[in-house]
Amino acid sequence: MSKKTMYDHTLILSTSKIDMPEGVNADFILKIINQTEITTEYFGVELDNPTDYENEEMKAAESAKSFFEFYFSTVQEMEYHLLTKEEARHLLDTLFNTGAKSEIMAGTKDVTIYI
């Protein structure tokens, strides 16, 4: 039996700064994504360490935002530039609701999610 090739993806969304509550879960994340004005900062293959490229101006701008970083794999390649914001939201909703195991790590203003 042949092993399926999996494709790794990274989706980074941002919104104005949110103080994260304790116990951030998938429902909270989906609520924020669906009810808040979000910006797609990046959608593609996994990035190198972004701190290698940051300057002071970028750090100041980032301090006023909350970031939601999603790392996930699919059996199909994705054409990132073709996905609309609504399709990206639907994709995340589908990933969370398929019962896939997720690991959520929340800081004071940012969340990292491995699905």
Foldseek 3Di string as FASTA:
>chain_A
DDDFDKAKKKWKKKAFFDFDDPPDDLVNVLCCLVPGDMDTPDIGHDDDPCVVPDDPVNVVVCVRMEMEMEMEIDSDDDPVVVADSVNVSVVSVCCVPVPDDKDWDDDRTYIYIYD
